[in-house]
Amino acid sequence: MRTACKLAAWVCVAVIVLLSLLPAEGMARTGADGRVEHAIAYAGTAFFVGMGYWSDRRWPALVGLLIALAGSMELLQHVSPGRHPGLPDFAASSLGAVIGLMVAWQAAARIGPLGGFKA
Protein backbone atom coordinates (compact mmCIF):
# COMPACT_ATOMS: atom_id res chain seq x y z
CA MET A 1 0.00 0.00 0.00
CA ARG A 2 2.82 2.37 0.81
CA THR A 3 4.37 1.95 -2.63
CA ALA A 4 1.06 2.79 -4.31
CA CYS A 5 0.74 5.91 -2.15
CA LYS A 6 4.27 6.98 -3.05
CA LEU A 7 3.48 6.58 -6.75
CA ALA A 8 0.21 8.49 -6.36
CA ALA A 9 2.06 11.25 -4.46
CA TRP A 10 4.56 11.76 -7.28
CA VAL A 11 1.83 11.70 -9.92
CA CYS A 12 -0.06 14.36 -7.94
CA VAL A 13 3.07 16.50 -7.61
CA ALA A 14 3.65 16.24 -11.37
CA VAL A 15 0.04 17.24 -12.08
CA ILE A 16 0.32 20.23 -9.71
CA VAL A 17 3.50 21.38 -11.47
CA LEU A 18 1.94 20.96 -14.91
CA LEU A 19 -1.30 22.72 -14.03
CA SER A 20 0.47 25.49 -12.14
CA LEU A 21 2.64 26.38 -15.11
CA LEU A 22 0.07 26.12 -17.91
CA PRO A 23 -0.57 29.40 -19.70
CA ALA A 24 -3.83 31.08 -18.69
CA GLU A 25 -5.62 30.15 -21.93
CA GLY A 26 -4.81 26.46 -21.37
CA MET A 27 -6.29 26.31 -17.89
CA ALA A 28 -9.30 24.15 -17.16
CA ARG A 29 -11.38 25.27 -14.18
CA THR A 30 -13.82 23.28 -12.10
CA GLY A 31 -16.15 26.19 -11.46
CA ALA A 32 -15.15 26.32 -7.80
CA ASP A 33 -13.26 29.27 -6.34
CA GLY A 34 -9.58 29.09 -7.31
CA ARG A 35 -8.47 28.98 -3.70
CA VAL A 36 -10.74 26.02 -3.04
CA GLU A 37 -9.18 24.28 -6.05
CA HIS A 38 -5.72 24.98 -4.64
CA ALA A 39 -6.61 23.68 -1.19
CA ILE A 40 -8.20 20.50 -2.54
CA ALA A 41 -5.31 19.78 -4.92
CA TYR A 42 -2.71 20.19 -2.20
CA ALA A 43 -4.77 18.32 0.42
CA GLY A 44 -5.09 15.32 -1.91
CA THR A 45 -1.42 15.42 -2.78
CA ALA A 46 -0.42 15.81 0.86
CA PHE A 47 -2.60 12.85 1.83
CA PHE A 48 -0.73 10.58 -0.57
CA VAL A 49 2.64 12.07 0.44
CA GLY A 50 1.76 11.49 4.08
CA MET A 51 0.57 7.93 3.52
CA GLY A 52 3.62 7.09 1.43
CA TYR A 53 6.35 8.80 3.43
CA TRP A 54 4.92 9.23 6.92
CA SER A 55 6.93 9.03 10.11
CA ASP A 56 6.88 11.27 13.16
CA ARG A 57 10.39 12.47 12.37
CA ARG A 58 9.44 13.40 8.79
CA TRP A 59 6.38 15.51 9.69
CA PRO A 60 8.22 18.88 9.67
CA ALA A 61 10.07 18.01 6.46
CA LEU A 62 6.90 16.92 4.66
CA VAL A 63 5.09 20.09 5.68
CA GLY A 64 8.06 22.21 4.64
CA LEU A 65 8.48 20.52 1.28
CA LEU A 66 4.82 20.84 0.35
CA ILE A 67 4.73 24.49 1.39
CA ALA A 68 7.93 25.08 -0.59
CA LEU A 69 6.26 23.43 -3.60
CA ALA A 70 3.27 25.75 -3.22
CA GLY A 71 5.53 28.81 -3.00
CA SER A 72 7.67 27.70 -5.93
CA MET A 73 4.67 27.12 -8.14
CA GLU A 74 3.28 30.56 -7.31
CA LEU A 75 6.61 32.26 -8.05
CA LEU A 76 7.12 30.33 -11.29
CA GLN A 77 3.79 31.62 -12.57
CA HIS A 78 5.70 34.82 -13.39
CA VAL A 79 7.09 32.99 -16.44
CA SER A 80 3.78 31.49 -17.56
CA PRO A 81 1.83 33.67 -20.03
CA GLY A 82 -1.29 35.18 -18.51
CA ARG A 83 -0.60 33.79 -15.04
CA HIS A 84 0.29 35.69 -11.91
CA PRO A 85 1.33 34.57 -8.44
CA GLY A 86 -0.81 35.38 -5.45
CA LEU A 87 -0.35 35.24 -1.70
CA PRO A 88 -3.97 34.05 -1.13
CA ASP A 89 -3.38 31.16 -3.56
CA PHE A 90 -0.16 30.26 -1.73
CA ALA A 91 -1.99 30.38 1.61
CA ALA A 92 -4.80 28.14 0.32
CA SER A 93 -2.30 25.64 -1.10
CA SER A 94 -0.30 25.60 2.14
CA LEU A 95 -3.41 25.15 4.27
CA GLY A 96 -4.55 22.31 2.02
CA ALA A 97 -1.15 20.63 2.42
CA VAL A 98 -1.34 20.82 6.22
CA ILE A 99 -4.91 19.47 6.24
CA GLY A 100 -3.99 16.61 3.89
CA LEU A 101 -1.04 15.61 6.07
CA MET A 102 -3.19 15.73 9.19
CA VAL A 103 -5.74 13.43 7.56
CA ALA A 104 -2.94 11.07 6.48
CA TRP A 105 -1.56 11.07 10.02
CA GLN A 106 -4.97 10.10 11.40
CA ALA A 107 -5.43 7.41 8.74
CA ALA A 108 -1.95 5.99 9.37
CA ALA A 109 -2.64 5.91 13.12
CA ARG A 110 -5.80 3.90 12.51
CA ILE A 111 -4.24 1.48 10.03
CA GLY A 112 -1.40 0.65 12.43
CA PRO A 113 1.35 -1.89 11.86
CA LEU A 114 -0.69 -3.94 9.37
CA GLY A 115 -0.48 -1.08 6.91
CA GLY A 116 3.24 -0.68 7.52
CA PHE A 117 2.86 2.70 9.19
CA LYS A 118 4.31 4.11 12.36
CA ALA A 119 2.39 7.21 13.35
C-alpha atoms as a PDB file:
ATOM      1  CA  MET A   1       0.000   0.000   0.000  1.00  0.00           C
ATOM      2  CA  ARG A   2       2.821   2.373   0.806  1.00  0.00           C
ATOM      3  CA  THR A   3       4.367   1.946  -2.628  1.00  0.00           C
ATOM      4  CA  ALA A   4       1.061   2.789  -4.312  1.00  0.00           C
ATOM      5  CA  CYS A   5       0.740   5.906  -2.147  1.00  0.00           C
ATOM      6  CA  LYS A   6       4.274   6.980  -3.055  1.00  0.00           C
ATOM      7  CA  LEU A   7       3.482   6.584  -6.751  1.00  0.00           C
ATOM      8  CA  ALA A   8       0.214   8.493  -6.356  1.00  0.00           C
ATOM      9  CA  ALA A   9       2.060  11.249  -4.464  1.00  0.00           C
ATOM     10  CA  TRP A  10       4.562  11.758  -7.283  1.00  0.00           C
ATOM     11  CA  VAL A  11       1.832  11.704  -9.923  1.00  0.00           C
ATOM     12  CA  CYS A  12      -0.063  14.359  -7.939  1.00  0.00           C
ATOM     13  CA  VAL A  13       3.073  16.503  -7.609  1.00  0.00           C
ATOM     14  CA  ALA A  14       3.651  16.245 -11.372  1.00  0.00           C
ATOM     15  CA  VAL A  15       0.043  17.242 -12.076  1.00  0.00           C
ATOM     16  CA  ILE A  16       0.320  20.230  -9.714  1.00  0.00           C
ATOM     17  CA  VAL A  17       3.502  21.378 -11.466  1.00  0.00           C
ATOM     18  CA  LEU A  18       1.944  20.959 -14.906  1.00  0.00           C
ATOM     19  CA  LEU A  19      -1.304  22.720 -14.034  1.00  0.00           C
ATOM     20  CA  SER A  20       0.469  25.493 -12.136  1.00  0.00           C
ATOM     21  CA  LEU A  21       2.636  26.384 -15.114  1.00  0.00           C
ATOM     22  CA  LEU A  22       0.074  26.119 -17.908  1.00  0.00           C
ATOM     23  CA  PRO A  23      -0.571  29.400 -19.699  1.00  0.00           C
ATOM     24  CA  ALA A  24      -3.827  31.076 -18.691  1.00  0.00           C
ATOM     25  CA  GLU A  25      -5.623  30.152 -21.930  1.00  0.00           C
ATOM     26  CA  GLY A  26      -4.815  26.459 -21.372  1.00  0.00           C
ATOM     27  CA  MET A  27      -6.288  26.312 -17.887  1.00  0.00           C
ATOM     28  CA  ALA A  28      -9.298  24.147 -17.157  1.00  0.00           C
ATOM     29  CA  ARG A  29     -11.384  25.273 -14.185  1.00  0.00           C
ATOM     30  CA  THR A  30     -13.823  23.280 -12.097  1.00  0.00           C
ATOM     31  CA  GLY A  31     -16.153  26.192 -11.456  1.00  0.00           C
ATOM     32  CA  ALA A  32     -15.146  26.321  -7.797  1.00  0.00           C
ATOM     33  CA  ASP A  33     -13.257  29.265  -6.344  1.00  0.00           C
ATOM     34  CA  GLY A  34      -9.579  29.088  -7.315  1.00  0.00           C
ATOM     35  CA  ARG A  35      -8.468  28.982  -3.704  1.00  0.00           C
ATOM     36  CA  VAL A  36     -10.739  26.024  -3.036  1.00  0.00           C
ATOM     37  CA  GLU A  37      -9.184  24.278  -6.046  1.00  0.00           C
ATOM     38  CA  HIS A  38      -5.721  24.984  -4.642  1.00  0.00           C
ATOM     39  CA  ALA A  39      -6.612  23.681  -1.187  1.00  0.00           C
ATOM     40  CA  ILE A  40      -8.195  20.501  -2.539  1.00  0.00           C
ATOM     41  CA  ALA A  41      -5.311  19.776  -4.924  1.00  0.00           C
ATOM     42  CA  TYR A  42      -2.710  20.194  -2.199  1.00  0.00           C
ATOM     43  CA  ALA A  43      -4.770  18.324   0.418  1.00  0.00           C
ATOM     44  CA  GLY A  44      -5.085  15.323  -1.906  1.00  0.00           C
ATOM     45  CA  THR A  45      -1.421  15.424  -2.785  1.00  0.00           C
ATOM     46  CA  ALA A  46      -0.417  15.811   0.858  1.00  0.00           C
ATOM     47  CA  PHE A  47      -2.600  12.855   1.829  1.00  0.00           C
ATOM     48  CA  PHE A  48      -0.725  10.580  -0.570  1.00  0.00           C
ATOM     49  CA  VAL A  49       2.635  12.071   0.439  1.00  0.00           C
ATOM     50  CA  GLY A  50       1.759  11.491   4.081  1.00  0.00           C
ATOM     51  CA  MET A  51       0.571   7.935   3.519  1.00  0.00           C
ATOM     52  CA  GLY A  52       3.615   7.095   1.428  1.00  0.00           C
ATOM     53  CA  TYR A  53       6.347   8.796   3.426  1.00  0.00           C
ATOM     54  CA  TRP A  54       4.923   9.234   6.922  1.00  0.00           C
ATOM     55  CA  SER A  55       6.934   9.030  10.114  1.00  0.00           C
ATOM     56  CA  ASP A  56       6.879  11.271  13.161  1.00  0.00           C
ATOM     57  CA  ARG A  57      10.395  12.472  12.367  1.00  0.00           C
ATOM     58  CA  ARG A  58       9.445  13.401   8.791  1.00  0.00           C
ATOM     59  CA  TRP A  59       6.382  15.512   9.690  1.00  0.00           C
ATOM     60  CA  PRO A  60       8.225  18.876   9.674  1.00  0.00           C
ATOM     61  CA  ALA A  61      10.069  18.009   6.465  1.00  0.00           C
ATOM     62  CA  LEU A  62       6.901  16.915   4.660  1.00  0.00           C
ATOM     63  CA  VAL A  63       5.087  20.090   5.675  1.00  0.00           C
ATOM     64  CA  GLY A  64       8.062  22.208   4.643  1.00  0.00           C
ATOM     65  CA  LEU A  65       8.483  20.523   1.279  1.00  0.00           C
ATOM     66  CA  LEU A  66       4.819  20.838   0.351  1.00  0.00           C
ATOM     67  CA  ILE A  67       4.727  24.489   1.394  1.00  0.00           C
ATOM     68  CA  ALA A  68       7.934  25.076  -0.588  1.00  0.00           C
ATOM     69  CA  LEU A  69       6.257  23.431  -3.600  1.00  0.00           C
ATOM     70  CA  ALA A  70       3.273  25.754  -3.224  1.00  0.00           C
ATOM     71  CA  GLY A  71       5.530  28.810  -3.004  1.00  0.00           C
ATOM     72  CA  SER A  72       7.674  27.705  -5.927  1.00  0.00           C
ATOM     73  CA  MET A  73       4.674  27.123  -8.142  1.00  0.00           C
ATOM     74  CA  GLU A  74       3.281  30.560  -7.311  1.00  0.00           C
ATOM     75  CA  LEU A  75       6.610  32.264  -8.051  1.00  0.00           C
ATOM     76  CA  LEU A  76       7.121  30.334 -11.292  1.00  0.00           C
ATOM     77  CA  GLN A  77       3.787  31.623 -12.566  1.00  0.00           C
ATOM     78  CA  HIS A  78       5.700  34.821 -13.393  1.00  0.00           C
ATOM     79  CA  VAL A  79       7.091  32.994 -16.440  1.00  0.00           C
ATOM     80  CA  SER A  80       3.776  31.491 -17.565  1.00  0.00           C
ATOM     81  CA  PRO A  81       1.829  33.673 -20.027  1.00  0.00           C
ATOM     82  CA  GLY A  82      -1.287  35.182 -18.514  1.00  0.00           C
ATOM     83  CA  ARG A  83      -0.603  33.786 -15.045  1.00  0.00           C
ATOM     84  CA  HIS A  84       0.294  35.692 -11.910  1.00  0.00           C
ATOM     85  CA  PRO A  85       1.328  34.569  -8.438  1.00  0.00           C
ATOM     86  CA  GLY A  86      -0.815  35.385  -5.446  1.00  0.00           C
ATOM     87  CA  LEU A  87      -0.353  35.236  -1.700  1.00  0.00           C
ATOM     88  CA  PRO A  88      -3.965  34.054  -1.135  1.00  0.00           C
ATOM     89  CA  ASP A  89      -3.380  31.158  -3.558  1.00  0.00           C
ATOM     90  CA  PHE A  90      -0.157  30.255  -1.733  1.00  0.00           C
ATOM     91  CA  ALA A  91      -1.985  30.377   1.613  1.00  0.00           C
ATOM     92  CA  ALA A  92      -4.797  28.145   0.320  1.00  0.00           C
ATOM     93  CA  SER A  93      -2.302  25.636  -1.095  1.00  0.00           C
ATOM     94  CA  SER A  94      -0.304  25.596   2.144  1.00  0.00           C
ATOM     95  CA  LEU A  95      -3.413  25.146   4.270  1.00  0.00           C
ATOM     96  CA  GLY A  96      -4.546  22.309   2.019  1.00  0.00           C
ATOM     97  CA  ALA A  97      -1.145  20.628   2.422  1.00  0.00           C
ATOM     98  CA  VAL A  98      -1.340  20.821   6.216  1.00  0.00           C
ATOM     99  CA  ILE A  99      -4.906  19.466   6.239  1.00  0.00           C
ATOM    100  CA  GLY A 100      -3.987  16.613   3.887  1.00  0.00           C
ATOM    101  CA  LEU A 101      -1.038  15.613   6.067  1.00  0.00           C
ATOM    102  CA  MET A 102      -3.188  15.733   9.188  1.00  0.00           C
ATOM    103  CA  VAL A 103      -5.741  13.428   7.560  1.00  0.00           C
ATOM    104  CA  ALA A 104      -2.941  11.068   6.482  1.00  0.00           C
ATOM    105  CA  TRP A 105      -1.563  11.069  10.025  1.00  0.00           C
ATOM    106  CA  GLN A 106      -4.969  10.097  11.396  1.00  0.00           C
ATOM    107  CA  ALA A 107      -5.433   7.415   8.740  1.00  0.00           C
ATOM    108  CA  ALA A 108      -1.953   5.985   9.371  1.00  0.00           C
ATOM    109  CA  ALA A 109      -2.638   5.914  13.118  1.00  0.00           C
ATOM    110  CA  ARG A 110      -5.795   3.900  12.513  1.00  0.00           C
ATOM    111  CA  ILE A 111      -4.237   1.481  10.027  1.00  0.00           C
ATOM    112  CA  GLY A 112      -1.401   0.649  12.426  1.00  0.00           C
ATOM    113  CA  PRO A 113       1.354  -1.894  11.863  1.00  0.00           C
ATOM    114  CA  LEU A 114      -0.687  -3.936   9.373  1.00  0.00           C
ATOM    115  CA  GLY A 115      -0.475  -1.077   6.915  1.00  0.00           C
ATOM    116  CA  GLY A 116       3.236  -0.680   7.521  1.00  0.00           C
ATOM    117  CA  PHE A 117       2.865   2.698   9.188  1.00  0.00           C
ATOM    118  CA  LYS A 118       4.314   4.113  12.356  1.00  0.00           C
ATOM    119  CA  ALA A 119       2.388   7.213  13.350  1.00  0.00           C
END
